[in-house]
N, C-alpha and C. Protein backbone atom coordinates (compact mmCIF):
# COMPACT_ATOMS: atom_id res chain seq x y z
N UNK A 1 104.41 94.81 -80.71
CA UNK A 1 105.28 93.64 -79.68
C UNK A 1 104.79 92.53 -79.76
N UNK A 2 106.03 91.68 -80.20
CA UNK A 2 105.22 90.23 -80.31
C UNK A 2 105.75 89.39 -78.96
N UNK A 3 104.73 88.70 -78.49
CA UNK A 3 104.87 88.11 -77.02
C UNK A 3 104.49 86.74 -77.54
N UNK A 4 105.56 85.65 -76.99
CA UNK A 4 105.18 84.27 -77.00
C UNK A 4 105.17 84.05 -75.86
N UNK A 5 104.14 82.51 -75.38
CA UNK A 5 104.10 81.83 -74.00
C UNK A 5 104.75 80.35 -74.51
N UNK A 6 105.64 80.06 -74.03
CA UNK A 6 105.98 78.93 -73.88
C UNK A 6 106.00 77.95 -72.63
N UNK A 7 106.19 76.39 -72.99
CA UNK A 7 106.04 75.56 -71.82
C UNK A 7 105.57 74.26 -72.40
N UNK A 8 105.92 73.08 -71.54
CA UNK A 8 105.32 72.03 -71.64
C UNK A 8 103.60 72.01 -71.64
N UNK A 9 103.04 70.99 -71.96
CA UNK A 9 101.64 70.91 -71.95
C UNK A 9 101.18 71.16 -70.35
N UNK A 10 99.64 71.88 -70.20
CA UNK A 10 99.14 71.90 -69.05
C UNK A 10 100.06 72.82 -67.82
N UNK A 11 100.88 73.59 -68.46
CA UNK A 11 101.48 74.88 -67.54
C UNK A 11 100.90 76.08 -67.16
N UNK A 12 99.40 76.33 -67.96
CA UNK A 12 98.59 77.53 -67.67
C UNK A 12 99.16 78.30 -68.46
N UNK A 13 99.56 78.36 -69.61
CA UNK A 13 99.71 79.33 -70.90
C UNK A 13 98.48 79.91 -71.08
N UNK A 14 97.75 79.14 -71.50
CA UNK A 14 96.31 79.85 -72.09
C UNK A 14 95.53 80.73 -71.26
N UNK A 15 95.59 80.55 -69.75
CA UNK A 15 95.13 81.29 -68.76
C UNK A 15 96.16 82.77 -68.66
N UNK A 16 97.28 82.71 -68.75
CA UNK A 16 98.15 83.52 -68.89
C UNK A 16 98.32 84.40 -70.18
N UNK A 17 98.06 83.65 -71.04
CA UNK A 17 97.59 84.54 -71.84
C UNK A 17 96.72 85.60 -72.26
N UNK A 18 95.28 84.72 -71.90
CA UNK A 18 94.22 85.81 -71.72
C UNK A 18 94.33 86.47 -70.69
N UNK A 19 95.20 86.41 -69.44
CA UNK A 19 95.29 87.75 -68.99
C UNK A 19 95.92 88.75 -68.80
N UNK A 20 97.21 88.45 -69.99
CA UNK A 20 97.83 89.49 -70.46
C UNK A 20 96.71 90.23 -71.22
N UNK A 21 96.40 89.61 -72.17
CA UNK A 21 95.20 90.49 -73.09
C UNK A 21 94.35 91.39 -72.15
N UNK A 22 93.69 90.98 -71.36
CA UNK A 22 93.01 91.77 -70.44
C UNK A 22 93.77 92.95 -69.67
N UNK A 23 94.84 92.68 -69.41
CA UNK A 23 95.61 93.94 -69.10
C UNK A 23 96.03 94.99 -70.35
N UNK A 24 96.32 94.27 -71.19
CA UNK A 24 97.27 95.14 -72.34
C UNK A 24 95.78 95.76 -72.72
N UNK A 25 94.71 95.20 -73.14
CA UNK A 25 93.12 95.86 -73.80
C UNK A 25 93.23 95.07 -75.11
N UNK A 26 91.86 94.63 -75.22
CA UNK A 26 91.61 93.87 -76.49
C UNK A 26 91.57 94.81 -77.83
N UNK A 27 91.31 96.28 -77.57
CA UNK A 27 91.43 97.27 -78.49
C UNK A 27 93.08 97.18 -79.12
N UNK A 28 93.92 96.74 -78.31
CA UNK A 28 95.48 97.03 -78.81
C UNK A 28 96.15 95.87 -78.96
N UNK A 29 95.48 94.46 -78.90
CA UNK A 29 96.38 93.18 -78.93
C UNK A 29 95.22 92.04 -79.28
N UNK A 30 95.74 91.03 -79.70
CA UNK A 30 95.43 89.91 -80.15
C UNK A 30 95.75 88.73 -79.52
N UNK A 31 94.97 87.57 -79.95
CA UNK A 31 95.67 86.01 -79.26
C UNK A 31 95.55 85.47 -80.20
N UNK A 32 96.66 84.91 -80.49
CA UNK A 32 96.72 83.60 -81.55
C UNK A 32 97.38 82.30 -80.83
N UNK A 33 97.61 81.38 -81.61
CA UNK A 33 98.46 80.18 -81.23
C UNK A 33 99.07 79.61 -82.29
N UNK A 34 99.92 78.35 -81.90
CA UNK A 34 100.50 77.76 -82.73
C UNK A 34 100.48 76.29 -82.13
N UNK A 35 100.24 75.25 -83.01
CA UNK A 35 99.78 75.18 -84.78
C UNK A 35 98.40 76.03 -84.78
N UNK A 36 98.61 76.92 -85.52
CA UNK A 36 96.95 77.49 -85.65
C UNK A 36 96.98 78.72 -85.81
N UNK A 37 96.12 79.74 -85.85
CA UNK A 37 96.21 81.18 -86.00
C UNK A 37 95.45 81.68 -87.24
N UNK A 38 95.22 80.66 -88.25
CA UNK A 38 94.47 81.11 -89.29
C UNK A 38 93.84 79.91 -89.81
N UNK A 39 93.11 80.09 -91.14
CA UNK A 39 92.57 78.94 -91.37
C UNK A 39 93.33 77.69 -91.88
N UNK A 40 94.45 77.66 -92.77
CA UNK A 40 95.32 76.79 -93.13
C UNK A 40 96.05 76.24 -92.07
N UNK A 41 96.30 76.75 -91.15
CA UNK A 41 97.25 76.70 -89.62
C UNK A 41 96.40 75.75 -89.18
N UNK A 42 95.24 76.24 -88.88
CA UNK A 42 94.50 75.42 -87.85
C UNK A 42 94.07 74.04 -88.63
N UNK A 43 93.99 74.12 -90.09
CA UNK A 43 93.52 72.76 -90.36
C UNK A 43 95.37 71.57 -90.14
N UNK A 44 96.05 72.34 -90.48
CA UNK A 44 97.58 71.67 -90.02
C UNK A 44 97.49 71.18 -88.71
N UNK A 45 97.00 72.18 -87.94
CA UNK A 45 96.70 71.89 -86.48
C UNK A 45 96.22 70.59 -86.07
N UNK A 46 95.29 70.11 -86.82
CA UNK A 46 94.43 69.15 -86.69
C UNK A 46 95.13 67.61 -86.78
N UNK A 47 96.46 67.73 -87.87
CA UNK A 47 97.09 66.84 -88.26
C UNK A 47 98.17 66.64 -87.24
N UNK A 48 98.52 67.79 -86.73
CA UNK A 48 99.72 67.75 -85.87
C UNK A 48 99.53 67.23 -84.77
N UNK A 49 98.42 67.47 -83.99
CA UNK A 49 97.79 67.20 -82.44
C UNK A 49 96.92 65.98 -82.13
N UNK A 50 96.59 65.31 -83.23
CA UNK A 50 96.01 64.07 -83.04
C UNK A 50 96.31 62.91 -83.44
N UNK A 51 96.07 61.70 -83.00
CA UNK A 51 96.59 60.59 -83.48
C UNK A 51 97.59 60.05 -82.54
N UNK A 52 98.56 58.99 -83.07
CA UNK A 52 99.32 58.67 -81.79
C UNK A 52 100.90 58.87 -82.01
N UNK A 53 101.43 58.57 -81.36
CA UNK A 53 103.15 59.45 -81.91
C UNK A 53 103.67 58.33 -82.81
N UNK A 54 103.14 57.33 -83.09
CA UNK A 54 103.66 56.91 -84.64
C UNK A 54 103.19 57.43 -86.14
N UNK A 55 101.99 58.20 -85.94
CA UNK A 55 101.30 59.26 -86.88
C UNK A 55 102.57 59.73 -87.80
N UNK A 56 103.80 60.33 -87.20
CA UNK A 56 104.62 60.88 -88.19
C UNK A 56 105.89 60.77 -87.61
N UNK A 57 106.86 61.32 -88.08
CA UNK A 57 108.35 61.24 -87.50
C UNK A 57 108.49 62.70 -87.18
N UNK A 58 109.64 63.15 -86.29
CA UNK A 58 109.89 64.67 -86.11
C UNK A 58 110.22 65.63 -87.41
N UNK A 59 110.77 64.40 -88.35
CA UNK A 59 111.01 65.56 -89.44
C UNK A 59 109.74 65.68 -90.42
N UNK A 60 108.88 64.98 -90.55
CA UNK A 60 107.42 65.77 -91.05
C UNK A 60 107.02 66.58 -90.14
N UNK A 61 106.86 66.38 -88.91
CA UNK A 61 106.45 67.29 -88.08
C UNK A 61 107.05 68.74 -88.09
N UNK A 62 108.44 68.54 -88.55
CA UNK A 62 109.03 70.10 -88.67
C UNK A 62 108.31 70.71 -90.06
N UNK A 63 108.56 69.69 -91.05
CA UNK A 63 107.88 70.41 -92.39
C UNK A 63 106.35 71.07 -91.94
N UNK A 64 105.69 70.27 -91.26
CA UNK A 64 104.23 70.82 -91.27
C UNK A 64 104.40 72.08 -90.13
N UNK A 65 105.43 71.98 -89.51
CA UNK A 65 105.48 73.21 -88.33
C UNK A 65 105.80 74.65 -89.23
N UNK A 66 106.78 74.35 -89.79
CA UNK A 66 106.81 75.31 -90.76
C UNK A 66 105.97 75.93 -91.79
N UNK A 67 105.31 74.75 -92.14
CA UNK A 67 104.50 75.23 -93.05
C UNK A 67 102.94 76.38 -92.32
N UNK A 68 102.61 75.83 -91.42
CA UNK A 68 101.42 76.27 -90.65
C UNK A 68 101.84 77.69 -90.49
N UNK A 69 103.47 77.66 -89.71
CA UNK A 69 103.69 79.23 -89.26
C UNK A 69 103.80 80.25 -90.39
N UNK A 70 104.39 79.78 -91.55
CA UNK A 70 104.54 80.66 -92.78
C UNK A 70 103.19 81.51 -92.90
N UNK A 71 102.34 80.70 -92.92
CA UNK A 71 100.84 81.12 -93.01
C UNK A 71 100.46 82.09 -91.88
N UNK A 72 100.63 81.46 -90.65
CA UNK A 72 100.40 81.95 -89.45
C UNK A 72 100.79 83.70 -89.58
N UNK A 73 102.00 83.63 -89.88
CA UNK A 73 102.86 85.05 -90.00
C UNK A 73 102.03 85.74 -91.08
N UNK A 74 101.98 85.34 -92.11
CA UNK A 74 101.35 86.20 -93.44
C UNK A 74 100.05 86.73 -93.18
N UNK A 75 99.20 85.45 -92.37
CA UNK A 75 97.90 85.89 -92.44
C UNK A 75 97.61 86.73 -91.13
N UNK A 76 98.17 86.54 -89.93
CA UNK A 76 97.63 87.10 -88.77
C UNK A 76 98.92 87.87 -88.19
N UNK A 77 99.80 87.52 -88.06
CA UNK A 77 100.61 88.03 -87.27
C UNK A 77 101.70 89.13 -87.64
N UNK A 78 101.84 89.26 -88.93
CA UNK A 78 102.39 90.66 -89.79
C UNK A 78 101.17 91.39 -89.68
N UNK A 79 100.00 91.24 -89.95
CA UNK A 79 98.97 92.29 -90.45
C UNK A 79 99.06 92.93 -89.26
N UNK A 80 98.72 92.48 -87.84
CA UNK A 80 98.14 92.70 -86.80
C UNK A 80 99.53 93.80 -86.42
N UNK A 81 100.77 93.30 -86.08
CA UNK A 81 101.81 94.12 -86.16
C UNK A 81 101.99 95.38 -86.72
N UNK A 82 101.56 95.25 -88.02
CA UNK A 82 101.60 96.48 -88.90
C UNK A 82 100.54 97.52 -88.51
N UNK A 83 99.80 97.12 -87.63
CA UNK A 83 98.59 97.68 -87.13
C UNK A 83 98.77 98.37 -86.03
N UNK A 84 99.66 98.15 -85.27
CA UNK A 84 100.30 98.60 -84.17
C UNK A 84 99.98 97.96 -82.74
N UNK A 85 99.34 96.77 -83.23
CA UNK A 85 98.89 95.61 -82.04
C UNK A 85 100.18 94.76 -81.74
N UNK A 86 99.81 94.51 -80.33
CA UNK A 86 100.70 93.70 -79.65
C UNK A 86 99.93 92.08 -80.03
N UNK A 87 100.71 91.30 -80.37
CA UNK A 87 100.57 90.07 -80.42
C UNK A 87 101.14 88.93 -79.33
N UNK A 88 100.08 88.40 -79.08
CA UNK A 88 100.07 87.35 -77.90
C UNK A 88 99.86 86.13 -78.41
N UNK A 89 101.05 85.36 -78.57
CA UNK A 89 100.87 83.68 -79.24
C UNK A 89 101.18 82.64 -78.20
N UNK A 90 99.90 81.90 -78.05
CA UNK A 90 100.49 80.68 -77.47
C UNK A 90 101.40 79.36 -78.15
N UNK A 91 102.82 79.60 -77.77
CA UNK A 91 103.40 78.83 -78.63
C UNK A 91 104.10 79.46 -79.75
N UNK A 92 105.44 79.33 -80.29
CA UNK A 92 106.00 79.90 -81.01
C UNK A 92 106.93 78.92 -81.33
N UNK A 93 108.31 79.39 -82.19
CA UNK A 93 109.37 78.88 -82.78
C UNK A 93 109.97 77.62 -81.61
N UNK A 94 110.08 78.35 -80.06
CA UNK A 94 110.45 77.62 -79.08
C UNK A 94 109.88 76.11 -79.12
N UNK A 95 108.65 76.12 -79.41
CA UNK A 95 107.64 75.04 -78.92
C UNK A 95 108.43 74.17 -80.31
N UNK A 96 108.79 74.37 -81.37
CA UNK A 96 109.23 73.38 -82.39
C UNK A 96 110.61 72.91 -82.02
N UNK A 97 111.37 73.94 -81.59
CA UNK A 97 112.68 73.49 -81.02
C UNK A 97 112.78 72.58 -79.65
N UNK A 98 111.86 72.67 -79.12
CA UNK A 98 111.48 71.74 -77.87
C UNK A 98 110.76 70.31 -78.28
N UNK A 99 109.77 70.63 -79.09
CA UNK A 99 109.14 69.11 -79.01
C UNK A 99 109.55 68.00 -80.22
N UNK A 100 110.30 68.83 -81.28
CA UNK A 100 110.93 68.09 -82.39
C UNK A 100 112.44 68.10 -81.77
N UNK A 101 112.64 67.44 -80.67
CA UNK A 101 114.08 67.90 -80.17
C UNK A 101 114.72 66.65 -80.53
N UNK A 102 114.57 65.54 -81.20
CA UNK A 102 115.74 64.84 -82.33
C UNK A 102 116.32 65.32 -83.35
N UNK A 103 115.87 66.73 -83.52
CA UNK A 103 116.33 67.24 -84.69
C UNK A 103 117.44 68.68 -84.05
N UNK A 104 118.32 68.57 -84.59
CA UNK A 104 119.32 69.51 -83.93
C UNK A 104 118.73 71.13 -84.20
N UNK A 105 119.09 71.92 -83.35
CA UNK A 105 118.91 73.25 -83.16
C UNK A 105 119.11 73.98 -84.32
N UNK A 106 120.23 74.00 -85.06
CA UNK A 106 120.90 74.79 -85.82
C UNK A 106 119.74 74.42 -86.94
N UNK A 107 119.25 73.52 -87.54
CA UNK A 107 118.54 72.67 -88.20
C UNK A 107 116.78 73.33 -88.47
N UNK A 108 116.53 73.72 -87.20
CA UNK A 108 115.41 74.12 -86.85
C UNK A 108 115.19 75.51 -87.04
N UNK A 109 116.66 76.18 -86.48
CA UNK A 109 116.33 77.66 -86.83
C UNK A 109 116.28 78.18 -88.24
N UNK A 110 117.62 77.23 -88.55
CA UNK A 110 117.91 77.58 -90.17
C UNK A 110 116.55 77.34 -91.06
N UNK A 111 115.69 76.59 -90.89
CA UNK A 111 114.08 76.39 -91.70
C UNK A 111 113.27 77.67 -91.35
N UNK A 112 113.31 77.85 -89.91
CA UNK A 112 112.59 78.81 -89.55
C UNK A 112 112.98 80.59 -90.20
N UNK A 113 114.38 80.77 -90.30
CA UNK A 113 114.83 82.11 -91.03
C UNK A 113 114.64 81.89 -92.24
N UNK A 114 114.83 80.94 -93.01
CA UNK A 114 114.25 80.65 -94.54
C UNK A 114 113.02 80.59 -94.94
N UNK A 115 112.20 80.05 -94.28
CA UNK A 115 110.81 79.78 -94.58
C UNK A 115 110.06 80.99 -93.72
N UNK A 116 110.19 80.96 -92.54
CA UNK A 116 109.24 81.85 -91.85
C UNK A 116 109.83 83.29 -91.48
N UNK A 117 110.55 84.09 -92.56
CA UNK A 117 110.79 85.32 -92.43
C UNK A 117 111.86 85.73 -91.27
N UNK A 118 112.23 84.86 -90.35
CA UNK A 118 113.17 84.78 -89.53
C UNK A 118 112.55 85.66 -88.44
N UNK A 119 111.27 85.73 -88.11
CA UNK A 119 110.58 86.27 -87.00
C UNK A 119 110.56 85.79 -85.74
N UNK A 120 110.92 86.49 -84.67
CA UNK A 120 111.24 86.05 -83.70
C UNK A 120 110.62 87.10 -82.30
N UNK A 121 110.15 86.52 -81.64
CA UNK A 121 109.36 87.24 -80.27
C UNK A 121 109.92 88.30 -79.76
N UNK A 122 109.41 89.56 -79.17
CA UNK A 122 110.39 90.24 -78.35
C UNK A 122 110.59 89.86 -77.13
N UNK A 123 109.19 89.43 -76.39
CA UNK A 123 109.47 88.54 -75.22
C UNK A 123 109.05 87.01 -75.71
N UNK A 124 109.41 86.18 -74.39
CA UNK A 124 109.26 85.13 -74.78
C UNK A 124 108.89 84.47 -73.08
N UNK A 125 107.67 84.28 -72.55
CA UNK A 125 107.51 83.89 -71.16
C UNK A 125 107.62 82.57 -71.22
N UNK A 126 108.51 81.73 -70.54
CA UNK A 126 108.43 80.45 -70.27
C UNK A 126 107.98 79.86 -68.96
N UNK A 127 106.80 79.26 -68.77
CA UNK A 127 106.37 78.84 -67.74
C UNK A 127 106.40 77.39 -67.39
N UNK A 128 107.83 77.39 -66.75
CA UNK A 128 108.09 75.99 -66.52
C UNK A 128 107.64 75.23 -65.34
N UNK A 129 107.39 74.18 -65.81
CA UNK A 129 106.85 73.07 -64.78
C UNK A 129 107.57 71.69 -65.16
N UNK A 130 107.78 71.15 -64.12
CA UNK A 130 108.22 69.42 -64.04
C UNK A 130 107.41 68.66 -65.17
N UNK A 131 107.80 67.70 -65.97
CA UNK A 131 106.81 66.97 -66.42
C UNK A 131 105.79 66.28 -65.51
N UNK A 132 106.29 65.64 -64.81
CA UNK A 132 105.66 64.63 -63.66
C UNK A 132 104.37 65.27 -63.18
N UNK A 133 104.65 66.58 -62.99
CA UNK A 133 103.45 67.35 -62.42
C UNK A 133 102.49 67.75 -63.39
N UNK A 134 103.08 68.17 -64.31
CA UNK A 134 102.12 68.53 -65.73
C UNK A 134 101.18 67.24 -66.16
N UNK A 135 101.99 65.96 -66.01
CA UNK A 135 100.57 65.03 -66.24
C UNK A 135 99.83 65.04 -64.98
N UNK A 136 99.98 65.41 -64.07
CA UNK A 136 98.59 65.50 -63.19
C UNK A 136 97.37 66.26 -63.48
N UNK A 137 97.77 67.39 -64.52
CA UNK A 137 96.66 68.11 -64.48
C UNK A 137 96.00 67.90 -65.79
N UNK A 138 94.84 68.40 -65.92
CA UNK A 138 93.64 68.13 -66.83
C UNK A 138 94.20 68.31 -68.27
N UNK A 139 94.06 67.73 -69.14
CA UNK A 139 94.38 67.80 -70.48
C UNK A 139 93.22 67.62 -71.55
N UNK A 140 93.42 68.16 -72.77
CA UNK A 140 92.44 67.80 -73.56
C UNK A 140 93.01 66.37 -74.36
N UNK A 141 91.93 65.47 -74.07
CA UNK A 141 92.21 64.39 -74.91
C UNK A 141 92.14 64.16 -76.38
N UNK A 142 91.54 65.20 -76.87
CA UNK A 142 91.68 65.15 -78.52
C UNK A 142 92.83 65.66 -78.72
N UNK A 143 93.64 66.10 -78.31
CA UNK A 143 94.92 66.75 -78.52
C UNK A 143 95.95 66.11 -77.72
N UNK A 144 96.44 64.92 -77.66
CA UNK A 144 97.36 64.45 -77.17
C UNK A 144 98.07 63.48 -77.44
N UNK A 145 98.57 63.74 -78.63
CA UNK A 145 99.55 62.95 -79.46
C UNK A 145 100.86 63.22 -79.14
N UNK A 146 101.27 64.27 -78.20
CA UNK A 146 102.66 64.47 -77.93
C UNK A 146 102.88 63.97 -76.30
N UNK A 147 101.87 64.40 -75.85
CA UNK A 147 101.62 64.03 -74.32
C UNK A 147 101.81 62.48 -74.26
N UNK A 148 101.06 61.46 -75.34
CA UNK A 148 100.92 60.15 -75.16
C UNK A 148 102.43 59.77 -75.48
N UNK A 149 103.33 60.21 -75.84
CA UNK A 149 104.84 60.24 -75.92
C UNK A 149 105.26 59.65 -74.57
N UNK A 150 104.87 59.97 -73.61
CA UNK A 150 105.38 59.96 -72.23
C UNK A 150 106.14 60.59 -71.69
N UNK A 151 106.88 60.56 -70.34
CA UNK A 151 106.99 60.85 -69.40
C UNK A 151 108.67 61.45 -69.84
N UNK A 152 109.44 60.60 -70.38
CA UNK A 152 110.78 60.64 -70.60
C UNK A 152 110.52 61.55 -71.79
N UNK A 153 110.06 61.41 -72.84
CA UNK A 153 109.85 62.46 -73.85
C UNK A 153 109.60 63.71 -73.41
N UNK A 154 108.89 63.76 -72.50
CA UNK A 154 108.59 65.70 -72.23
C UNK A 154 109.52 66.12 -71.09
N UNK A 155 110.30 65.13 -70.48
CA UNK A 155 111.47 65.87 -69.90
C UNK A 155 112.56 66.32 -70.89
N UNK A 156 112.61 65.57 -71.84
CA UNK A 156 113.56 66.59 -72.99
C UNK A 156 112.62 67.55 -73.44
N UNK A 157 111.72 67.47 -73.72
CA UNK A 157 111.12 68.80 -74.43
C UNK A 157 111.36 69.50 -73.41
N UNK A 158 111.06 69.45 -71.81
CA UNK A 158 111.46 70.69 -71.12
C UNK A 158 112.69 71.11 -70.90
N UNK A 159 113.82 70.15 -71.09
CA UNK A 159 115.10 70.53 -71.20
C UNK A 159 115.24 71.43 -72.23
N UNK A 160 114.83 71.11 -73.43
CA UNK A 160 114.86 71.95 -74.66
C UNK A 160 114.51 73.34 -74.33
N UNK A 161 113.21 73.44 -73.64
CA UNK A 161 112.56 74.99 -73.64
C UNK A 161 113.59 75.50 -72.50
N UNK A 162 114.47 74.77 -71.72
CA UNK A 162 115.41 75.56 -70.47
C UNK A 162 116.25 76.16 -71.24
N UNK A 163 117.04 74.85 -72.27
CA UNK A 163 118.32 75.88 -73.12
C UNK A 163 117.95 76.67 -74.07
N UNK A 164 116.58 76.97 -74.51
CA UNK A 164 116.59 77.96 -75.13
C UNK A 164 116.96 79.12 -74.63
N UNK A 165 115.65 79.32 -73.37
CA UNK A 165 115.74 80.59 -72.11
C UNK A 165 117.17 80.94 -71.78
N UNK A 166 117.89 79.89 -71.54
CA UNK A 166 118.95 80.33 -71.19
C UNK A 166 120.25 80.88 -71.92
N UNK A 167 119.74 80.25 -73.37
CA UNK A 167 120.37 80.95 -74.73
C UNK A 167 120.47 82.42 -75.08
N UNK A 168 118.98 82.67 -74.47
CA UNK A 168 118.52 83.81 -74.95
C UNK A 168 118.27 84.62 -73.84
N UNK A 169 118.90 85.16 -72.91
CA UNK A 169 118.22 85.70 -71.77
C UNK A 169 117.93 87.25 -71.91
N UNK A 170 118.23 87.87 -73.42
CA UNK A 170 117.65 89.25 -73.56
C UNK A 170 115.80 89.24 -73.81
N UNK A 171 115.39 87.85 -74.10
CA UNK A 171 114.16 88.00 -74.89
C UNK A 171 113.36 86.83 -73.87
N UNK A 172 113.94 85.99 -72.80
CA UNK A 172 113.23 85.14 -72.53
C UNK A 172 113.18 84.99 -70.97
N UNK A 173 112.06 84.99 -70.47
CA UNK A 173 111.74 85.09 -68.90
C UNK A 173 111.29 83.57 -68.32
N UNK A 174 112.05 83.10 -67.54
CA UNK A 174 111.44 81.90 -66.99
C UNK A 174 111.02 82.22 -65.85
N UNK A 175 109.57 81.55 -65.73
CA UNK A 175 108.55 81.51 -64.73
C UNK A 175 108.37 80.37 -64.15
N UNK A 176 107.93 80.23 -62.81
CA UNK A 176 107.94 78.99 -62.14
C UNK A 176 106.37 78.60 -62.17
N UNK A 177 106.28 77.55 -62.81
CA UNK A 177 105.06 76.82 -63.24
C UNK A 177 104.34 76.49 -61.93
N UNK A 178 104.69 76.34 -60.81
CA UNK A 178 104.16 76.08 -59.66
C UNK A 178 103.72 76.89 -58.56
N UNK A 179 104.09 78.44 -59.03
CA UNK A 179 103.31 79.61 -58.43
C UNK A 179 101.77 79.79 -58.39
N UNK A 180 101.11 80.28 -58.02
CA UNK A 180 99.79 80.52 -58.36
C UNK A 180 99.53 81.12 -59.85
N UNK A 181 98.19 81.22 -60.21
CA UNK A 181 97.82 82.05 -61.04
C UNK A 181 98.09 83.33 -61.06
N UNK A 182 97.64 84.23 -59.63
CA UNK A 182 98.03 85.58 -59.85
C UNK A 182 99.72 85.75 -59.63
N UNK A 183 100.27 85.04 -59.01
CA UNK A 183 101.76 84.96 -58.77
C UNK A 183 102.55 85.28 -60.17
N UNK A 184 102.10 84.18 -60.91
CA UNK A 184 102.52 84.25 -62.37
C UNK A 184 102.39 85.32 -63.06
N UNK A 185 100.79 85.82 -62.90
CA UNK A 185 100.27 86.93 -63.56
C UNK A 185 101.02 88.07 -63.55
N UNK A 186 101.36 88.43 -61.84
CA UNK A 186 102.34 89.51 -61.39
C UNK A 186 103.31 89.79 -61.97
N UNK A 187 104.27 88.62 -61.90
CA UNK A 187 105.43 88.54 -62.68
C UNK A 187 105.44 89.03 -64.42
N UNK A 188 104.25 88.29 -64.58
CA UNK A 188 104.32 88.64 -66.68
C UNK A 188 103.93 90.29 -66.59
N UNK A 189 103.35 90.59 -65.74
CA UNK A 189 102.80 92.03 -65.77
C UNK A 189 104.20 93.02 -65.49
N UNK A 190 105.01 92.72 -64.56
CA UNK A 190 106.13 93.19 -63.90
C UNK A 190 106.92 93.37 -65.28
N UNK A 191 107.39 92.34 -65.81
CA UNK A 191 108.26 92.03 -66.96
C UNK A 191 107.92 93.11 -68.30
N UNK A 192 106.50 92.58 -68.63
CA UNK A 192 105.86 93.37 -69.63
C UNK A 192 106.34 94.94 -69.92
N UNK A 193 105.55 95.28 -68.25
CA UNK A 193 105.84 96.95 -68.40
C UNK A 193 107.17 97.51 -68.43
N UNK A 194 108.46 96.51 -67.75
CA UNK A 194 109.44 96.81 -67.82
C UNK A 194 109.98 96.84 -69.36
N UNK A 195 109.59 96.11 -70.09
CA UNK A 195 110.20 96.18 -71.62
C UNK A 195 109.41 97.40 -72.14
N UNK A 196 108.11 97.56 -71.88
CA UNK A 196 107.41 98.78 -72.86
C UNK A 196 108.25 100.07 -72.24
N UNK A 197 108.76 100.16 -71.24
CA UNK A 197 109.41 101.33 -70.92
C UNK A 197 110.16 101.64 -71.75
N UNK A 198 111.17 100.64 -72.19
CA UNK A 198 112.39 100.68 -72.63
C UNK A 198 112.06 100.95 -74.35
N UNK A 199 110.95 100.72 -74.72
CA UNK A 199 110.60 100.82 -76.07
C UNK A 199 110.42 102.51 -76.65
């Protein structure tokens, strides 16, 4: 199974990723992230998340995202799935759709299908939180290029996330990011167990 966690910055995705792995078991699952997940992709991550909003435009971001994702899939995700492990990924294609929102969705998904094997998650947990609240939470100052684009930009990112979730109701689960860590985790486990029973 391939599971992705999505949402704007500071929604608690990384915490929930770890809690889900604890529930599934480390022998049966791996945690990975985007951008990143393998040596080459982590190097591309450094370019993507550091600097200022003017460091590059959205098209350059899109090309770099596809480059890192292709290697990530080849080197990390596909091998783990082939071994029967559950892959838990902190961000994936929905983040590209959301953060590069000046580019139309069809173009982004077209690149994904052509360059990234058309691999989509079996489940996407979107932890939804208003941008104004996310800005009050502690962030990593060394990876703040997207956050520094401002509240209006992040509002548009959130809207794109919600649109993706509503367009894909069979795979996407929207979770209220204002709930407690335990409440969110319980909702995730409930949905995970339900999907597992259907396999």
